[in-house]
Amino acid sequence: MRGFRPVVIAALAALYLAGCSSTPKTSKTADSTQKVDADEQVLKQDPLERNYDPHVIMKRAESFYEKDDYAEAGVEYQHFLDLHKTHILAPYAQYRLGLSYFKQASTMDRDPEPVRKSMEGMEKLLKEYPGSTYESDARGRIKECREHLASYELYVGKDYYRQAAYLAALHRFEGLIKLYPDSEAFSEASYYLARTYADIGANDRAIGYLTQLLKQHPKKDKATHDSQVLLAKLTRRPVKEIVA
């Protein structure tokens, strides 16, 4: 896809210049607001253009994005992709769709669905538009999303554990270590998984998970230390004899 970036930049420049007026700028905020209002008035006049023209759809999506209305921006980027999947701006639309979902992500204790959709959007970008200008950033976003989702599973699992809802906690911890083995939350999730099994009397399973964690993830952190303490307590043997 050699030459992709200059073409995209030129296309976007043409797209924005087409919507600019020749009057002097008074302020960035005022001009942006006036431009959005003017665009909206024009779009209301021609339903066919509003619904199908790629440049019109993209301008509308960008207007919503600039106003931090990421939900509506996402709808428009998706609309663009549904109609113009092979357009030169399609990789850009797919990238911005992923960003729009990511921008909707809230705190750790809230619904992680926007983060999941952002990750899926970036993965789709890599799959359908390989070699695009946005590939490197998309990979970084995917990693960030995975860390967020793993942290959310750990948060929920620990909350269940504190409530003594052990089966629900086990489900969360096991899901985390299966789906996100490369995440920062992996060690702590493994420790809590073993601790939960120990609390319900399944000591053999607890010992198995602790041993596996200490052998495969020997990094020095609180989860590792707590795992060593719990393993020694359950086996009544020095950890060095078990993890050789």
C-alpha atoms as a PDB file:
ATOM      1  CA  MET A   1       0.000   0.000   0.000  1.00  0.00           C
ATOM      2  CA  ARG A   2       2.878   2.304  -0.944  1.00  0.00           C
ATOM      3  CA  GLY A   3       1.719   5.868  -1.326  1.00  0.00           C
ATOM      4  CA  PHE A   4      -1.390   5.278   0.810  1.00  0.00           C
ATOM      5  CA  ARG A   5      -0.647   7.976   3.377  1.00  0.00           C
ATOM      6  CA  PRO A   6      -0.165  10.896   0.957  1.00  0.00           C
ATOM      7  CA  VAL A   7      -3.325   9.915  -0.900  1.00  0.00           C
ATOM      8  CA  VAL A   8      -5.358   9.731   2.311  1.00  0.00           C
ATOM      9  CA  ILE A   9      -4.022  13.042   3.533  1.00  0.00           C
ATOM     10  CA  ALA A  10      -4.807  14.648   0.193  1.00  0.00           C
ATOM     11  CA  ALA A  11      -8.274  13.142   0.181  1.00  0.00           C
ATOM     12  CA  LEU A  12      -8.996  14.364   3.699  1.00  0.00           C
ATOM     13  CA  ALA A  13      -7.619  17.785   2.906  1.00  0.00           C
ATOM     14  CA  ALA A  14      -9.874  18.051  -0.130  1.00  0.00           C
ATOM     15  CA  LEU A  15     -12.786  16.852   1.970  1.00  0.00           C
ATOM     16  CA  TYR A  16     -12.333  19.529   4.618  1.00  0.00           C
ATOM     17  CA  LEU A  17     -11.425  22.319   2.214  1.00  0.00           C
ATOM     18  CA  ALA A  18     -14.639  21.693   0.333  1.00  0.00           C
ATOM     19  CA  GLY A  19     -16.580  22.544   3.483  1.00  0.00           C
ATOM     20  CA  CYS A  20     -14.628  25.667   4.445  1.00  0.00           C
ATOM     21  CA  SER A  21     -15.809  29.202   3.726  1.00  0.00           C
ATOM     22  CA  SER A  22     -13.613  32.028   2.413  1.00  0.00           C
ATOM     23  CA  THR A  23     -14.422  34.384   5.289  1.00  0.00           C
ATOM     24  CA  PRO A  24     -11.709  35.193   7.866  1.00  0.00           C
ATOM     25  CA  LYS A  25     -11.639  33.018  10.964  1.00  0.00           C
ATOM     26  CA  THR A  26     -12.762  34.610  14.199  1.00  0.00           C
ATOM     27  CA  SER A  27     -11.980  31.689  16.480  1.00  0.00           C
ATOM     28  CA  LYS A  28     -11.442  27.964  16.119  1.00  0.00           C
ATOM     29  CA  THR A  29     -14.419  27.129  18.314  1.00  0.00           C
ATOM     30  CA  ALA A  30     -16.769  29.566  16.586  1.00  0.00           C
ATOM     31  CA  ASP A  31     -15.708  28.454  13.103  1.00  0.00           C
ATOM     32  CA  SER A  32     -16.126  24.802  14.037  1.00  0.00           C
ATOM     33  CA  THR A  33     -19.615  25.423  15.424  1.00  0.00           C
ATOM     34  CA  GLN A  34     -20.666  27.484  12.390  1.00  0.00           C
ATOM     35  CA  LYS A  35     -19.285  24.866  10.010  1.00  0.00           C
ATOM     36  CA  VAL A  36     -21.157  22.059  11.744  1.00  0.00           C
ATOM     37  CA  ASP A  37     -24.391  24.069  11.739  1.00  0.00           C
ATOM     38  CA  ALA A  38     -23.971  24.940   8.058  1.00  0.00           C
ATOM     39  CA  ASP A  39     -23.263  21.331   7.160  1.00  0.00           C
ATOM     40  CA  GLU A  40     -26.330  20.176   9.032  1.00  0.00           C
ATOM     41  CA  GLN A  41     -28.518  22.689   7.181  1.00  0.00           C
ATOM     42  CA  VAL A  42     -27.215  21.531   3.811  1.00  0.00           C
ATOM     43  CA  LEU A  43     -27.636  17.875   4.683  1.00  0.00           C
ATOM     44  CA  LYS A  44     -31.251  18.402   5.658  1.00  0.00           C
ATOM     45  CA  GLN A  45     -32.004  19.601   2.126  1.00  0.00           C
ATOM     46  CA  ASP A  46     -30.953  16.462   0.238  1.00  0.00           C
ATOM     47  CA  PRO A  47     -31.829  13.079   1.800  1.00  0.00           C
ATOM     48  CA  LEU A  48     -30.169  11.120  -1.019  1.00  0.00           C
ATOM     49  CA  GLU A  49     -26.857  12.931  -0.603  1.00  0.00           C
ATOM     50  CA  ARG A  50     -27.140  12.765   3.166  1.00  0.00           C
ATOM     51  CA  ASN A  51     -27.543   8.987   3.147  1.00  0.00           C
ATOM     52  CA  TYR A  52     -25.220   7.831   0.368  1.00  0.00           C
ATOM     53  CA  ASP A  53     -22.514  10.331  -0.602  1.00  0.00           C
ATOM     54  CA  PRO A  54     -19.221   9.178   1.015  1.00  0.00           C
ATOM     55  CA  HIS A  55     -17.843  12.683   1.540  1.00  0.00           C
ATOM     56  CA  VAL A  56     -21.053  13.890   3.144  1.00  0.00           C
ATOM     57  CA  ILE A  57     -21.187  10.889   5.476  1.00  0.00           C
ATOM     58  CA  MET A  58     -17.529  11.340   6.408  1.00  0.00           C
ATOM     59  CA  LYS A  59     -17.948  15.062   7.079  1.00  0.00           C
ATOM     60  CA  ARG A  60     -20.903  14.325   9.307  1.00  0.00           C
ATOM     61  CA  ALA A  61     -18.973  11.646  11.195  1.00  0.00           C
ATOM     62  CA  GLU A  62     -16.025  13.985  11.693  1.00  0.00           C
ATOM     63  CA  SER A  63     -18.325  16.751  12.909  1.00  0.00           C
ATOM     64  CA  PHE A  64     -19.795  14.482  15.578  1.00  0.00           C
ATOM     65  CA  TYR A  65     -16.312  13.287  16.573  1.00  0.00           C
ATOM     66  CA  GLU A  66     -15.016  16.845  16.939  1.00  0.00           C
ATOM     67  CA  LYS A  67     -17.977  17.634  19.213  1.00  0.00           C
ATOM     68  CA  ASP A  68     -17.081  14.607  21.388  1.00  0.00           C
ATOM     69  CA  ASP A  69     -20.339  12.924  20.393  1.00  0.00           C
ATOM     70  CA  TYR A  70     -18.587   9.604  19.912  1.00  0.00           C
ATOM     71  CA  ALA A  71     -21.720   7.464  19.847  1.00  0.00           C
ATOM     72  CA  GLU A  72     -23.163   9.364  16.872  1.00  0.00           C
ATOM     73  CA  ALA A  73     -19.744   9.515  15.221  1.00  0.00           C
ATOM     74  CA  GLY A  74     -19.506   5.740  15.473  1.00  0.00           C
ATOM     75  CA  VAL A  75     -22.894   5.358  13.807  1.00  0.00           C
ATOM     76  CA  GLU A  76     -21.756   7.503  10.880  1.00  0.00           C
ATOM     77  CA  TYR A  77     -18.388   5.773  10.455  1.00  0.00           C
ATOM     78  CA  GLN A  78     -20.177   2.432  10.428  1.00  0.00           C
ATOM     79  CA  HIS A  79     -22.682   3.798   7.902  1.00  0.00           C
ATOM     80  CA  PHE A  80     -19.773   4.875   5.703  1.00  0.00           C
ATOM     81  CA  LEU A  81     -18.244   1.395   5.884  1.00  0.00           C
ATOM     82  CA  ASP A  82     -21.544  -0.324   5.165  1.00  0.00           C
ATOM     83  CA  LEU A  83     -21.886   1.624   1.910  1.00  0.00           C
ATOM     84  CA  HIS A  84     -18.283   2.276   0.874  1.00  0.00           C
ATOM     85  CA  LYS A  85     -16.137  -0.585   2.144  1.00  0.00           C
ATOM     86  CA  THR A  86     -13.609  -0.238  -0.717  1.00  0.00           C
ATOM     87  CA  HIS A  87     -13.416   3.574  -0.697  1.00  0.00           C
ATOM     88  CA  ILE A  88      -9.986   5.132  -0.229  1.00  0.00           C
ATOM     89  CA  LEU A  89     -11.142   6.509   3.134  1.00  0.00           C
ATOM     90  CA  ALA A  90     -12.486   3.151   4.344  1.00  0.00           C
ATOM     91  CA  PRO A  91      -9.356   2.302   6.415  1.00  0.00           C
ATOM     92  CA  TYR A  92      -9.605   5.726   8.048  1.00  0.00           C
ATOM     93  CA  ALA A  93     -13.305   5.191   8.782  1.00  0.00           C
ATOM     94  CA  GLN A  94     -12.588   1.788  10.322  1.00  0.00           C
ATOM     95  CA  TYR A  95      -9.838   3.291  12.476  1.00  0.00           C
ATOM     96  CA  ARG A  96     -12.023   6.155  13.646  1.00  0.00           C
ATOM     97  CA  LEU A  97     -14.846   3.723  14.377  1.00  0.00           C
ATOM     98  CA  GLY A  98     -12.529   1.871  16.756  1.00  0.00           C
ATOM     99  CA  LEU A  99     -11.461   5.143  18.354  1.00  0.00           C
ATOM    100  CA  SER A 100     -15.079   6.249  18.743  1.00  0.00           C
ATOM    101  CA  TYR A 101     -15.860   3.147  20.767  1.00  0.00           C
ATOM    102  CA  PHE A 102     -12.687   3.561  22.818  1.00  0.00           C
ATOM    103  CA  LYS A 103     -13.608   7.157  23.664  1.00  0.00           C
ATOM    104  CA  GLN A 104     -16.897   5.888  25.108  1.00  0.00           C
ATOM    105  CA  ALA A 105     -15.110   3.685  27.650  1.00  0.00           C
ATOM    106  CA  SER A 106     -15.775   4.700  31.223  1.00  0.00           C
ATOM    107  CA  THR A 107     -14.342   3.711  34.606  1.00  0.00           C
ATOM    108  CA  MET A 108     -13.322   0.184  35.536  1.00  0.00           C
ATOM    109  CA  ASP A 109     -16.590  -0.658  37.269  1.00  0.00           C
ATOM    110  CA  ARG A 110     -18.752   0.206  34.252  1.00  0.00           C
ATOM    111  CA  ASP A 111     -19.867  -1.761  31.195  1.00  0.00           C
ATOM    112  CA  PRO A 112     -16.756  -2.797  29.205  1.00  0.00           C
ATOM    113  CA  GLU A 113     -18.707  -3.282  25.963  1.00  0.00           C
ATOM    114  CA  PRO A 114     -17.327  -0.112  24.279  1.00  0.00           C
ATOM    115  CA  VAL A 115     -13.777  -1.337  24.938  1.00  0.00           C
ATOM    116  CA  ARG A 116     -14.609  -4.756  23.522  1.00  0.00           C
ATOM    117  CA  LYS A 117     -16.104  -3.181  20.403  1.00  0.00           C
ATOM    118  CA  SER A 118     -13.076  -0.912  20.053  1.00  0.00           C
ATOM    119  CA  MET A 119     -10.772  -3.922  20.131  1.00  0.00           C
ATOM    120  CA  GLU A 120     -12.899  -5.731  17.557  1.00  0.00           C
ATOM    121  CA  GLY A 121     -12.871  -2.640  15.356  1.00  0.00           C
ATOM    122  CA  MET A 122      -9.082  -2.377  15.454  1.00  0.00           C
ATOM    123  CA  GLU A 123      -8.703  -6.103  14.792  1.00  0.00           C
ATOM    124  CA  LYS A 124     -10.978  -5.720  11.774  1.00  0.00           C
ATOM    125  CA  LEU A 125      -8.784  -2.865  10.537  1.00  0.00           C
ATOM    126  CA  LEU A 126      -5.715  -5.125  10.645  1.00  0.00           C
ATOM    127  CA  LYS A 127      -7.564  -7.946   8.914  1.00  0.00           C
ATOM    128  CA  GLU A 128      -9.364  -6.059   6.147  1.00  0.00           C
ATOM    129  CA  TYR A 129      -6.915  -3.212   5.519  1.00  0.00           C
ATOM    130  CA  PRO A 130      -3.433  -4.683   6.137  1.00  0.00           C
ATOM    131  CA  GLY A 131      -0.541  -2.282   5.802  1.00  0.00           C
ATOM    132  CA  SER A 132      -2.640   0.816   6.398  1.00  0.00           C
ATOM    133  CA  THR A 133      -1.208   3.974   7.924  1.00  0.00           C
ATOM    134  CA  TYR A 134      -3.051   3.198  11.151  1.00  0.00           C
ATOM    135  CA  GLU A 135      -1.758  -0.348  11.678  1.00  0.00           C
ATOM    136  CA  SER A 136       0.865   0.464  14.304  1.00  0.00           C
ATOM    137  CA  ASP A 137      -1.491   2.540  16.422  1.00  0.00           C
ATOM    138  CA  ALA A 138      -4.230  -0.074  16.036  1.00  0.00           C
ATOM    139  CA  ARG A 139      -1.957  -2.754  17.500  1.00  0.00           C
ATOM    140  CA  GLY A 140      -1.215  -0.532  20.466  1.00  0.00           C
ATOM    141  CA  ARG A 141      -4.916   0.142  20.978  1.00  0.00           C
ATOM    142  CA  ILE A 142      -5.676  -3.587  20.888  1.00  0.00           C
ATOM    143  CA  LYS A 143      -3.123  -4.223  23.624  1.00  0.00           C
ATOM    144  CA  GLU A 144      -4.568  -1.373  25.682  1.00  0.00           C
ATOM    145  CA  CYS A 145      -8.080  -2.764  25.244  1.00  0.00           C
ATOM    146  CA  ARG A 146      -6.971  -6.235  26.306  1.00  0.00           C
ATOM    147  CA  GLU A 147      -5.403  -4.828  29.460  1.00  0.00           C
ATOM    148  CA  HIS A 148      -8.589  -2.901  30.221  1.00  0.00           C
ATOM    149  CA  LEU A 149     -10.797  -5.966  29.719  1.00  0.00           C
ATOM    150  CA  ALA A 150      -8.508  -8.143  31.850  1.00  0.00           C
ATOM    151  CA  SER A 151      -8.523  -5.547  34.623  1.00  0.00           C
ATOM    152  CA  TYR A 152     -12.310  -5.405  34.473  1.00  0.00           C
ATOM    153  CA  GLU A 153     -12.594  -9.197  34.839  1.00  0.00           C
ATOM    154  CA  LEU A 154     -10.216  -9.076  37.814  1.00  0.00           C
ATOM    155  CA  TYR A 155     -12.216  -6.246  39.402  1.00  0.00           C
ATOM    156  CA  VAL A 156     -15.495  -8.149  39.064  1.00  0.00           C
ATOM    157  CA  GLY A 157     -13.953 -11.432  40.200  1.00  0.00           C
ATOM    158  CA  LYS A 158     -12.516  -9.862  43.354  1.00  0.00           C
ATOM    159  CA  ASP A 159     -15.856  -8.241  44.075  1.00  0.00           C
ATOM    160  CA  TYR A 160     -17.565 -11.639  43.856  1.00  0.00           C
ATOM    161  CA  TYR A 161     -14.847 -13.104  46.072  1.00  0.00           C
ATOM    162  CA  ARG A 162     -15.416 -10.467  48.760  1.00  0.00           C
ATOM    163  CA  GLN A 163     -19.105 -11.380  48.730  1.00  0.00           C
ATOM    164  CA  ALA A 164     -18.222 -15.088  49.085  1.00  0.00           C
ATOM    165  CA  ALA A 165     -19.854 -15.750  45.699  1.00  0.00           C
ATOM    166  CA  TYR A 166     -17.131 -18.257  44.960  1.00  0.00           C
ATOM    167  CA  LEU A 167     -18.529 -19.937  41.849  1.00  0.00           C
ATOM    168  CA  ALA A 168     -19.044 -16.586  40.151  1.00  0.00           C
ATOM    169  CA  ALA A 169     -15.544 -15.525  41.196  1.00  0.00           C
ATOM    170  CA  LEU A 170     -14.034 -18.724  39.784  1.00  0.00           C
ATOM    171  CA  HIS A 171     -15.769 -18.113  36.476  1.00  0.00           C
ATOM    172  CA  ARG A 172     -14.256 -14.631  36.187  1.00  0.00           C
ATOM    173  CA  PHE A 173     -10.734 -15.619  37.221  1.00  0.00           C
ATOM    174  CA  GLU A 174     -10.639 -18.670  34.963  1.00  0.00           C
ATOM    175  CA  GLY A 175     -11.936 -16.642  32.041  1.00  0.00           C
ATOM    176  CA  LEU A 176      -9.258 -14.013  32.575  1.00  0.00           C
ATOM    177  CA  ILE A 177      -6.298 -16.388  32.636  1.00  0.00           C
ATOM    178  CA  LYS A 178      -7.645 -18.182  29.566  1.00  0.00           C
ATOM    179  CA  LEU A 179      -8.360 -15.089  27.461  1.00  0.00           C
ATOM    180  CA  TYR A 180      -5.631 -12.716  28.662  1.00  0.00           C
ATOM    181  CA  PRO A 181      -2.551 -14.776  29.639  1.00  0.00           C
ATOM    182  CA  ASP A 182      -0.251 -11.934  28.581  1.00  0.00           C
ATOM    183  CA  SER A 183      -1.997  -9.265  30.665  1.00  0.00           C
ATOM    184  CA  GLU A 184      -0.698  -7.480  33.742  1.00  0.00           C
ATOM    185  CA  ALA A 185      -3.679  -8.874  35.673  1.00  0.00           C
ATOM    186  CA  PHE A 186      -2.750 -12.506  34.995  1.00  0.00           C
ATOM    187  CA  SER A 187      -0.650 -13.125  38.121  1.00  0.00           C
ATOM    188  CA  GLU A 188      -3.152 -11.604  40.517  1.00  0.00           C
ATOM    189  CA  ALA A 189      -6.032 -13.460  38.862  1.00  0.00           C
ATOM    190  CA  SER A 190      -4.141 -16.755  39.183  1.00  0.00           C
ATOM    191  CA  TYR A 191      -3.514 -16.100  42.864  1.00  0.00           C
ATOM    192  CA  TYR A 192      -7.167 -15.297  43.538  1.00  0.00           C
ATOM    193  CA  LEU A 193      -8.245 -18.330  41.540  1.00  0.00           C
ATOM    194  CA  ALA A 194      -6.098 -20.564  43.744  1.00  0.00           C
ATOM    195  CA  ARG A 195      -7.237 -18.765  46.884  1.00  0.00           C
ATOM    196  CA  THR A 196     -10.884 -19.259  45.917  1.00  0.00           C
ATOM    197  CA  TYR A 197     -10.359 -22.975  45.335  1.00  0.00           C
ATOM    198  CA  ALA A 198      -8.641 -23.218  48.712  1.00  0.00           C
ATOM    199  CA  ASP A 199     -11.561 -21.466  50.391  1.00  0.00           C
ATOM    200  CA  ILE A 200     -14.032 -24.025  49.035  1.00  0.00           C
ATOM    201  CA  GLY A 201     -11.797 -26.919  50.076  1.00  0.00           C
ATOM    202  CA  ALA A 202     -10.367 -27.817  46.657  1.00  0.00           C
ATOM    203  CA  ASN A 203      -6.769 -27.672  47.854  1.00  0.00           C
ATOM    204  CA  ASP A 204      -5.356 -29.851  45.076  1.00  0.00           C
ATOM    205  CA  ARG A 205      -6.617 -27.450  42.437  1.00  0.00           C
ATOM    206  CA  ALA A 206      -5.318 -24.492  44.420  1.00  0.00           C
ATOM    207  CA  ILE A 207      -1.868 -26.058  44.727  1.00  0.00           C
ATOM    208  CA  GLY A 208      -1.849 -26.837  41.009  1.00  0.00           C
ATOM    209  CA  TYR A 209      -2.595 -23.259  39.987  1.00  0.00           C
ATOM    210  CA  LEU A 210      -0.105 -21.809  42.459  1.00  0.00           C
ATOM    211  CA  THR A 211       2.655 -24.139  41.301  1.00  0.00           C
ATOM    212  CA  GLN A 212       1.958 -23.364  37.662  1.00  0.00           C
ATOM    213  CA  LEU A 213       1.965 -19.626  38.325  1.00  0.00           C
ATOM    214  CA  LEU A 214       5.266 -19.650  40.199  1.00  0.00           C
ATOM    215  CA  LYS A 215       6.953 -21.806  37.557  1.00  0.00           C
ATOM    216  CA  GLN A 216       5.738 -19.964  34.489  1.00  0.00           C
ATOM    217  CA  HIS A 217       5.559 -16.409  35.839  1.00  0.00           C
ATOM    218  CA  PRO A 218       8.419 -15.991  38.315  1.00  0.00           C
ATOM    219  CA  LYS A 219       8.368 -12.180  38.312  1.00  0.00           C
ATOM    220  CA  LYS A 220       8.596 -10.507  41.689  1.00  0.00           C
ATOM    221  CA  ASP A 221       5.339  -8.799  42.589  1.00  0.00           C
ATOM    222  CA  LYS A 222       2.728  -8.900  45.343  1.00  0.00           C
ATOM    223  CA  ALA A 223       0.751 -11.674  43.649  1.00  0.00           C
ATOM    224  CA  THR A 224       3.864 -13.846  43.452  1.00  0.00           C
ATOM    225  CA  HIS A 225       4.695 -13.245  47.106  1.00  0.00           C
ATOM    226  CA  ASP A 226       1.120 -13.984  48.202  1.00  0.00           C
ATOM    227  CA  SER A 227       1.130 -17.130  46.063  1.00  0.00           C
ATOM    228  CA  GLN A 228       4.312 -18.379  47.745  1.00  0.00           C
ATOM    229  CA  VAL A 229       2.812 -17.794  51.181  1.00  0.00           C
ATOM    230  CA  LEU A 230      -0.424 -19.595  50.282  1.00  0.00           C
ATOM    231  CA  LEU A 231       1.394 -22.503  48.635  1.00  0.00           C
ATOM    232  CA  ALA A 232       3.607 -23.015  51.688  1.00  0.00           C
ATOM    233  CA  LYS A 233       0.530 -22.907  53.928  1.00  0.00           C
ATOM    234  CA  LEU A 234      -1.384 -25.475  51.858  1.00  0.00           C
ATOM    235  CA  THR A 235       1.502 -27.920  51.392  1.00  0.00           C
ATOM    236  CA  ARG A 236       3.381 -27.296  54.652  1.00  0.00           C
ATOM    237  CA  ARG A 237       6.566 -27.523  52.652  1.00  0.00           C
ATOM    238  CA  PRO A 238       9.157 -24.981  51.544  1.00  0.00           C
ATOM    239  CA  VAL A 239       8.179 -23.444  48.222  1.00  0.00           C
ATOM    240  CA  LYS A 240      11.630 -24.170  46.763  1.00  0.00           C
ATOM    241  CA  GLU A 241      10.992 -27.891  47.113  1.00  0.00           C
ATOM    242  CA  ILE A 242       7.789 -27.625  45.093  1.00  0.00           C
ATOM    243  CA  VAL A 243       8.821 -25.099  42.471  1.00  0.00           C
ATOM    244  CA  ALA A 244      12.098 -26.522  41.258  1.00  0.00           C
END
